[in-house]
């Protein structure tokens, strides 16, 4: 951001809210958020070690299933950027008019989320019958670069559309 410019935190966007459990791009989020002067809220269970930093606030929640997701769902506001791999949390965030990115930089949107939730349900039914897929591909340096590019582009677009 240019000196004297307006940071996104002064505009429509409030925070970048991160589902911190197993998030491989915490450093990229913090670095990019600092460039745009957007505060980061990193939410994780007590099982994960979190480190804050300049512009990054951490919240740790109990270990129970979905605690981080529920905390995030209860604290996000319209125009926040939510970063998660969880389709259910993504759907809740979209319903609250948030922007949502995956850890690999995929932007979730209202057009795709129903299909994604249905696919997740179908895969869960298959797992209950004993059919397991290969799982996600290993996270690569290229995935990291793509994520940072997509987050930078999203924040820049939001800054320009004020």
C-alpha atoms as a PDB file:
ATOM      1  CA  UNK A   1       0.000   0.000   0.000  1.00  0.00           C
ATOM      2  CA  UNK A   2       1.230   3.477  -0.797  1.00  0.00           C
ATOM      3  CA  UNK A   3       2.127   5.747   2.123  1.00  0.00           C
ATOM      4  CA  UNK A   4      -0.787   7.940   3.073  1.00  0.00           C
ATOM      5  CA  UNK A   5      -3.223   5.503   1.447  1.00  0.00           C
ATOM      6  CA  UNK A   6      -6.302   4.110   3.102  1.00  0.00           C
ATOM      7  CA  UNK A   7      -5.904   0.708   4.725  1.00  0.00           C
ATOM      8  CA  UNK A   8      -8.632  -1.847   4.207  1.00  0.00           C
ATOM      9  CA  UNK A   9      -9.257  -1.898   7.938  1.00  0.00           C
ATOM     10  CA  UNK A  10     -10.666   1.606   7.502  1.00  0.00           C
ATOM     11  CA  UNK A  11     -12.977   0.512   4.708  1.00  0.00           C
ATOM     12  CA  UNK A  12     -15.612  -2.214   4.412  1.00  0.00           C
ATOM     13  CA  UNK A  13     -13.343  -5.079   5.369  1.00  0.00           C
ATOM     14  CA  UNK A  14     -12.939  -5.631   9.086  1.00  0.00           C
ATOM     15  CA  UNK A  15     -10.591  -8.591   9.561  1.00  0.00           C
ATOM     16  CA  UNK A  16      -9.006 -11.599   8.007  1.00  0.00           C
ATOM     17  CA  UNK A  17     -10.314 -14.477  10.123  1.00  0.00           C
ATOM     18  CA  UNK A  18      -8.365 -17.724   9.870  1.00  0.00           C
ATOM     19  CA  UNK A  19      -9.429 -21.261  10.749  1.00  0.00           C
ATOM     20  CA  UNK A  20      -5.977 -21.900  12.206  1.00  0.00           C
ATOM     21  CA  UNK A  21      -6.192 -25.638  12.836  1.00  0.00           C
ATOM     22  CA  UNK A  22      -3.843 -27.185  10.263  1.00  0.00           C
ATOM     23  CA  UNK A  23      -3.524 -23.922   8.294  1.00  0.00           C
ATOM     24  CA  UNK A  24      -0.310 -24.141   6.243  1.00  0.00           C
ATOM     25  CA  UNK A  25      -0.309 -20.475   5.126  1.00  0.00           C
ATOM     26  CA  UNK A  26      -0.290 -18.535   8.418  1.00  0.00           C
ATOM     27  CA  UNK A  27       2.938 -16.708   7.547  1.00  0.00           C
ATOM     28  CA  UNK A  28       1.657 -15.706   4.105  1.00  0.00           C
ATOM     29  CA  UNK A  29      -1.591 -14.432   5.631  1.00  0.00           C
ATOM     30  CA  UNK A  30       0.236 -12.332   8.246  1.00  0.00           C
ATOM     31  CA  UNK A  31       2.669 -10.866   5.703  1.00  0.00           C
ATOM     32  CA  UNK A  32      -0.031 -10.004   3.168  1.00  0.00           C
ATOM     33  CA  UNK A  33      -2.363  -8.570   5.819  1.00  0.00           C
ATOM     34  CA  UNK A  34       0.425  -6.308   7.075  1.00  0.00           C
ATOM     35  CA  UNK A  35       0.908  -4.886   3.572  1.00  0.00           C
ATOM     36  CA  UNK A  36      -2.771  -3.909   3.433  1.00  0.00           C
ATOM     37  CA  UNK A  37      -3.022  -2.952   7.129  1.00  0.00           C
ATOM     38  CA  UNK A  38      -5.770  -5.486   7.780  1.00  0.00           C
ATOM     39  CA  UNK A  39      -5.903  -7.106  11.234  1.00  0.00           C
ATOM     40  CA  UNK A  40      -5.820 -10.897  11.416  1.00  0.00           C
ATOM     41  CA  UNK A  41      -7.725 -13.088  13.870  1.00  0.00           C
ATOM     42  CA  UNK A  42      -6.226 -16.581  14.039  1.00  0.00           C
ATOM     43  CA  UNK A  43      -8.525 -19.122  15.741  1.00  0.00           C
ATOM     44  CA  UNK A  44      -7.386 -22.591  16.756  1.00  0.00           C
ATOM     45  CA  UNK A  45      -7.887 -25.253  19.405  1.00  0.00           C
ATOM     46  CA  UNK A  46      -5.545 -25.554  22.384  1.00  0.00           C
ATOM     47  CA  UNK A  47      -3.969 -28.540  20.629  1.00  0.00           C
ATOM     48  CA  UNK A  48      -2.185 -26.217  18.185  1.00  0.00           C
ATOM     49  CA  UNK A  49       0.590 -23.791  19.049  1.00  0.00           C
ATOM     50  CA  UNK A  50      -0.239 -20.349  17.697  1.00  0.00           C
ATOM     51  CA  UNK A  51       2.043 -17.365  17.481  1.00  0.00           C
ATOM     52  CA  UNK A  52       0.654 -13.893  17.100  1.00  0.00           C
ATOM     53  CA  UNK A  53       2.668 -10.996  15.857  1.00  0.00           C
ATOM     54  CA  UNK A  54       2.229  -7.540  14.479  1.00  0.00           C
ATOM     55  CA  UNK A  55      -1.413  -7.232  13.446  1.00  0.00           C
ATOM     56  CA  UNK A  56      -2.200 -10.858  14.337  1.00  0.00           C
ATOM     57  CA  UNK A  57      -4.395 -11.679  17.323  1.00  0.00           C
ATOM     58  CA  UNK A  58      -4.787 -15.302  18.380  1.00  0.00           C
ATOM     59  CA  UNK A  59      -7.747 -16.994  20.047  1.00  0.00           C
ATOM     60  CA  UNK A  60      -7.565 -20.539  21.311  1.00  0.00           C
ATOM     61  CA  UNK A  61     -10.717 -22.555  21.936  1.00  0.00           C
ATOM     62  CA  UNK A  62     -11.364 -25.946  23.547  1.00  0.00           C
ATOM     63  CA  UNK A  63     -10.553 -29.223  21.861  1.00  0.00           C
ATOM     64  CA  UNK A  64     -14.089 -30.310  21.084  1.00  0.00           C
ATOM     65  CA  UNK A  65     -15.047 -30.945  17.485  1.00  0.00           C
ATOM     66  CA  UNK A  66     -15.956 -27.782  15.567  1.00  0.00           C
ATOM     67  CA  UNK A  67     -15.075 -25.354  18.406  1.00  0.00           C
ATOM     68  CA  UNK A  68     -12.872 -23.187  16.184  1.00  0.00           C
ATOM     69  CA  UNK A  69     -15.504 -23.176  13.414  1.00  0.00           C
ATOM     70  CA  UNK A  70     -18.264 -22.216  15.847  1.00  0.00           C
ATOM     71  CA  UNK A  71     -16.163 -19.433  17.355  1.00  0.00           C
ATOM     72  CA  UNK A  72     -15.456 -18.062  13.882  1.00  0.00           C
ATOM     73  CA  UNK A  73     -19.094 -18.348  12.773  1.00  0.00           C
ATOM     74  CA  UNK A  74     -20.181 -16.424  15.873  1.00  0.00           C
ATOM     75  CA  UNK A  75     -17.624 -13.626  15.481  1.00  0.00           C
ATOM     76  CA  UNK A  76     -17.409 -12.871  11.756  1.00  0.00           C
ATOM     77  CA  UNK A  77     -19.084  -9.799  10.305  1.00  0.00           C
ATOM     78  CA  UNK A  78     -20.016  -8.855   6.739  1.00  0.00           C
ATOM     79  CA  UNK A  79     -16.991  -8.086   4.544  1.00  0.00           C
ATOM     80  CA  UNK A  80     -14.535 -10.039   6.690  1.00  0.00           C
ATOM     81  CA  UNK A  81     -12.221 -12.351   4.750  1.00  0.00           C
ATOM     82  CA  UNK A  82     -12.463 -15.904   6.109  1.00  0.00           C
ATOM     83  CA  UNK A  83      -9.741 -18.431   5.325  1.00  0.00           C
ATOM     84  CA  UNK A  84     -10.712 -22.074   5.808  1.00  0.00           C
ATOM     85  CA  UNK A  85     -10.773 -25.501   4.189  1.00  0.00           C
ATOM     86  CA  UNK A  86     -14.077 -26.347   5.864  1.00  0.00           C
ATOM     87  CA  UNK A  87     -17.027 -26.229   3.455  1.00  0.00           C
ATOM     88  CA  UNK A  88     -19.546 -25.905   6.279  1.00  0.00           C
ATOM     89  CA  UNK A  89     -17.763 -22.886   7.743  1.00  0.00           C
ATOM     90  CA  UNK A  90     -17.388 -21.448   4.241  1.00  0.00           C
ATOM     91  CA  UNK A  91     -21.152 -21.742   3.717  1.00  0.00           C
ATOM     92  CA  UNK A  92     -21.860 -19.979   7.026  1.00  0.00           C
ATOM     93  CA  UNK A  93     -19.382 -17.215   6.170  1.00  0.00           C
ATOM     94  CA  UNK A  94     -20.884 -16.709   2.713  1.00  0.00           C
ATOM     95  CA  UNK A  95     -24.296 -16.451   4.366  1.00  0.00           C
ATOM     96  CA  UNK A  96     -22.897 -13.607   6.478  1.00  0.00           C
ATOM     97  CA  UNK A  97     -21.617 -11.813   3.335  1.00  0.00           C
ATOM     98  CA  UNK A  98     -17.943 -12.601   3.934  1.00  0.00           C
ATOM     99  CA  UNK A  99     -15.277 -13.302   1.342  1.00  0.00           C
ATOM    100  CA  UNK A 100     -13.954 -16.861   1.706  1.00  0.00           C
ATOM    101  CA  UNK A 101     -10.689 -18.409   0.481  1.00  0.00           C
ATOM    102  CA  UNK A 102      -9.306 -21.912   0.929  1.00  0.00           C
ATOM    103  CA  UNK A 103      -5.708 -22.556   1.982  1.00  0.00           C
ATOM    104  CA  UNK A 104      -4.919 -23.216  -1.674  1.00  0.00           C
ATOM    105  CA  UNK A 105      -6.455 -19.924  -2.820  1.00  0.00           C
ATOM    106  CA  UNK A 106      -9.799 -21.193  -4.086  1.00  0.00           C
ATOM    107  CA  UNK A 107     -12.471 -18.552  -3.652  1.00  0.00           C
ATOM    108  CA  UNK A 108     -15.698 -20.015  -2.314  1.00  0.00           C
ATOM    109  CA  UNK A 109     -18.880 -18.449  -3.683  1.00  0.00           C
ATOM    110  CA  UNK A 110     -22.643 -18.833  -3.526  1.00  0.00           C
ATOM    111  CA  UNK A 111     -22.760 -20.538  -6.949  1.00  0.00           C
ATOM    112  CA  UNK A 112     -20.503 -23.445  -5.919  1.00  0.00           C
ATOM    113  CA  UNK A 113     -21.026 -23.969  -2.207  1.00  0.00           C
ATOM    114  CA  UNK A 114     -24.161 -26.161  -2.471  1.00  0.00           C
ATOM    115  CA  UNK A 115     -22.368 -28.522  -4.862  1.00  0.00           C
ATOM    116  CA  UNK A 116     -19.322 -28.622  -2.578  1.00  0.00           C
ATOM    117  CA  UNK A 117     -21.450 -29.408   0.479  1.00  0.00           C
ATOM    118  CA  UNK A 118     -23.264 -32.140  -1.455  1.00  0.00           C
ATOM    119  CA  UNK A 119     -19.932 -33.622  -2.574  1.00  0.00           C
ATOM    120  CA  UNK A 120     -18.709 -33.603   1.028  1.00  0.00           C
ATOM    121  CA  UNK A 121     -21.894 -35.406   2.127  1.00  0.00           C
ATOM    122  CA  UNK A 122     -21.547 -37.999  -0.631  1.00  0.00           C
ATOM    123  CA  UNK A 123     -17.900 -38.638   0.326  1.00  0.00           C
ATOM    124  CA  UNK A 124     -18.865 -39.003   4.008  1.00  0.00           C
ATOM    125  CA  UNK A 125     -21.512 -41.590   3.087  1.00  0.00           C
ATOM    126  CA  UNK A 126     -18.927 -43.507   1.041  1.00  0.00           C
ATOM    127  CA  UNK A 127     -16.468 -43.468   3.975  1.00  0.00           C
ATOM    128  CA  UNK A 128     -19.169 -44.893   6.263  1.00  0.00           C
ATOM    129  CA  UNK A 129     -19.494 -47.776   3.779  1.00  0.00           C
ATOM    130  CA  UNK A 130     -15.709 -48.313   3.938  1.00  0.00           C
ATOM    131  CA  UNK A 131     -14.765 -46.557   0.689  1.00  0.00           C
ATOM    132  CA  UNK A 132     -11.874 -44.184   1.275  1.00  0.00           C
ATOM    133  CA  UNK A 133     -10.366 -41.835  -1.273  1.00  0.00           C
ATOM    134  CA  UNK A 134      -6.738 -40.861  -1.596  1.00  0.00           C
ATOM    135  CA  UNK A 135      -7.081 -37.693   0.488  1.00  0.00           C
ATOM    136  CA  UNK A 136      -5.783 -34.288  -0.475  1.00  0.00           C
ATOM    137  CA  UNK A 137      -2.620 -33.814  -2.494  1.00  0.00           C
ATOM    138  CA  UNK A 138       0.460 -32.791  -0.511  1.00  0.00           C
ATOM    139  CA  UNK A 139       0.677 -29.031   0.007  1.00  0.00           C
ATOM    140  CA  UNK A 140       3.445 -27.608  -2.195  1.00  0.00           C
ATOM    141  CA  UNK A 141       5.436 -24.402  -2.446  1.00  0.00           C
ATOM    142  CA  UNK A 142       3.419 -23.644  -5.592  1.00  0.00           C
ATOM    143  CA  UNK A 143       0.181 -23.951  -3.559  1.00  0.00           C
ATOM    144  CA  UNK A 144       1.644 -21.475  -1.076  1.00  0.00           C
ATOM    145  CA  UNK A 145       2.503 -19.001  -3.861  1.00  0.00           C
ATOM    146  CA  UNK A 146      -0.932 -19.365  -5.477  1.00  0.00           C
ATOM    147  CA  UNK A 147      -2.620 -18.708  -2.131  1.00  0.00           C
ATOM    148  CA  UNK A 148      -0.589 -15.572  -1.470  1.00  0.00           C
ATOM    149  CA  UNK A 149      -1.278 -14.304  -5.003  1.00  0.00           C
ATOM    150  CA  UNK A 150      -5.046 -14.897  -4.616  1.00  0.00           C
ATOM    151  CA  UNK A 151      -5.187 -13.237  -1.183  1.00  0.00           C
ATOM    152  CA  UNK A 152      -3.193 -10.255  -2.457  1.00  0.00           C
ATOM    153  CA  UNK A 153      -5.478  -9.958  -5.486  1.00  0.00           C
ATOM    154  CA  UNK A 154      -8.621 -10.148  -3.326  1.00  0.00           C
ATOM    155  CA  UNK A 155      -7.385  -7.455  -0.935  1.00  0.00           C
ATOM    156  CA  UNK A 156      -6.235  -5.252  -3.801  1.00  0.00           C
ATOM    157  CA  UNK A 157      -9.603  -5.634  -5.572  1.00  0.00           C
ATOM    158  CA  UNK A 158     -11.444  -4.751  -2.361  1.00  0.00           C
ATOM    159  CA  UNK A 159      -9.224  -1.733  -1.862  1.00  0.00           C
ATOM    160  CA  UNK A 160      -9.828  -0.511  -5.415  1.00  0.00           C
ATOM    161  CA  UNK A 161     -13.614  -0.992  -5.262  1.00  0.00           C
ATOM    162  CA  UNK A 162     -14.156   1.442  -2.416  1.00  0.00           C
END
